[in-house]
Protein backbone atom coordinates (compact mmCIF):
# COMPACT_ATOMS: atom_id res chain seq x y z
CA MET A 1 -23.68 -32.21 -40.72
CA ALA A 2 -23.06 -34.71 -37.88
CA ALA A 3 -20.72 -36.30 -40.15
CA LEU A 4 -18.53 -33.19 -40.98
CA LEU A 5 -18.05 -32.61 -37.03
CA VAL A 6 -16.93 -35.98 -36.38
CA LEU A 7 -14.60 -35.43 -39.39
CA VAL A 8 -13.57 -32.09 -37.97
CA PHE A 9 -13.03 -33.11 -34.70
CA GLY A 10 -11.68 -36.17 -35.57
CA SER A 11 -9.07 -34.78 -37.82
CA GLY A 12 -7.15 -33.15 -34.73
CA PHE A 13 -8.41 -29.68 -35.42
CA THR A 14 -7.74 -27.19 -33.24
CA GLY A 15 -9.64 -24.27 -34.12
CA ALA A 16 -6.98 -22.50 -35.75
CA ALA A 17 -7.87 -21.88 -38.95
CA LEU A 18 -11.53 -20.51 -37.62
CA GLY A 19 -9.66 -17.95 -36.22
CA ALA A 20 -10.33 -19.32 -32.96
CA GLY A 21 -7.94 -18.29 -30.37
CA GLU A 22 -7.00 -14.89 -31.77
CA GLY A 23 -5.87 -12.28 -29.30
CA LYS A 24 -5.69 -14.70 -26.30
CA ALA A 25 -2.49 -15.66 -24.81
CA SER A 26 -0.80 -18.68 -25.98
CA ALA A 27 -1.57 -21.46 -24.17
CA LYS A 28 2.66 -22.26 -23.21
CA PRO A 29 3.07 -20.39 -19.85
CA LYS A 30 5.86 -17.59 -19.96
CA THR A 31 8.42 -17.56 -17.08
CA SER A 32 10.40 -14.62 -16.31
CA GLN A 33 12.72 -14.21 -13.44
CA ALA A 34 13.97 -10.73 -12.36
CA PRO A 35 17.66 -10.80 -13.13
CA ALA A 36 20.12 -11.08 -10.29
CA VAL A 37 20.55 -7.36 -8.71
CA HIS A 38 23.96 -6.94 -6.96
CA VAL A 39 23.22 -4.30 -3.51
CA LYS A 40 25.95 -3.35 -2.11
CA LEU A 41 25.58 -3.46 2.01
CA VAL A 42 26.17 -0.37 3.85
CA ASN A 43 27.10 -0.01 7.63
CA ILE A 44 24.42 2.56 9.24
CA ASN A 45 27.33 3.66 11.84
CA THR A 46 29.89 4.38 9.56
CA ALA A 47 28.41 5.54 6.13
CA THR A 48 28.39 8.77 4.81
CA ALA A 49 24.93 10.27 3.71
CA GLU A 50 26.08 9.48 0.13
CA GLU A 51 27.10 5.98 0.85
CA LEU A 52 23.52 5.80 2.49
CA ALA A 53 21.33 7.40 -0.65
CA ALA A 54 23.23 4.83 -2.84
CA GLY A 55 21.45 1.68 -3.64
CA ARG A 56 18.71 2.19 -0.66
CA ASN A 57 15.04 1.81 -1.30
CA GLY A 58 13.03 5.32 -0.72
CA VAL A 59 16.63 6.93 1.23
CA GLY A 60 17.96 9.81 -0.62
CA LEU A 61 20.35 12.35 -0.02
CA ARG A 62 18.12 14.39 2.38
CA ARG A 63 17.00 11.49 4.53
CA ALA A 64 20.40 9.95 4.33
CA LYS A 65 21.97 13.33 5.51
CA GLU A 66 19.59 12.95 8.52
CA ILE A 67 20.64 9.20 9.43
CA VAL A 68 23.89 10.84 9.68
CA ALA A 69 23.16 13.20 11.68
CA TYR A 70 21.07 11.53 14.38
CA ARG A 71 24.01 9.17 14.20
CA GLN A 72 26.11 12.13 15.33
CA LYS A 73 23.93 13.30 18.00
CA VAL A 74 22.65 9.85 19.60
CA GLY A 75 25.60 7.67 19.04
CA ARG A 76 25.84 4.36 17.14
CA PHE A 77 23.22 2.35 15.58
CA SER A 78 22.77 -0.70 18.66
CA VAL A 79 19.63 -2.05 16.21
CA THR A 80 18.45 -1.38 12.88
CA GLU A 81 14.92 -0.80 14.25
CA GLN A 82 16.58 2.48 15.44
CA LEU A 83 16.36 3.98 11.89
CA THR A 84 12.58 4.23 12.45
CA ASP A 85 13.31 6.81 15.10
CA ILE A 86 14.33 9.19 12.56
CA LYS A 87 11.11 11.27 10.65
CA GLY A 88 10.00 9.72 7.60
CA ILE A 89 11.63 6.59 8.09
CA GLY A 90 8.74 3.86 9.16
CA LYS A 91 8.63 0.29 9.45
CA LYS A 92 8.15 -0.64 5.54
CA LEU A 93 10.91 1.59 4.45
CA LEU A 94 13.18 -0.26 7.09
CA GLU A 95 12.01 -3.67 5.70
CA ARG A 96 12.07 -3.01 2.30
CA ASN A 97 16.43 -1.63 3.00
CA ARG A 98 16.53 -4.21 6.15
CA ALA A 99 19.14 -6.59 3.53
CA ARG A 100 20.74 -3.44 2.93
CA VAL A 101 22.05 -2.64 5.56
CA VAL A 102 24.33 -3.88 8.25
CA LEU A 103 25.74 -3.08 11.77
CA GLU A 104 29.27 -3.24 12.67
């Protein structure tokens, strides 16, 4: 029996012939990269509600209309953090969209 083990292991046996590793992931690491996505920047001081809603994460038309209404009532935004003054926009939502908005 010992001679058989030496023969099997000494021959480069990988276990594949006996079904070893069936159902397991391959040894090669799989790499996946998210496709590059071009996101259009929007100026929160001049954009329409439709422009604000398009391409913003978690900002639909209703919330975009609230942004426009706030801007009309209070005036231009001086810092993006002012968006958190609007009901329904918190720090997390702001952070998800910070790279998608500009102030001009």
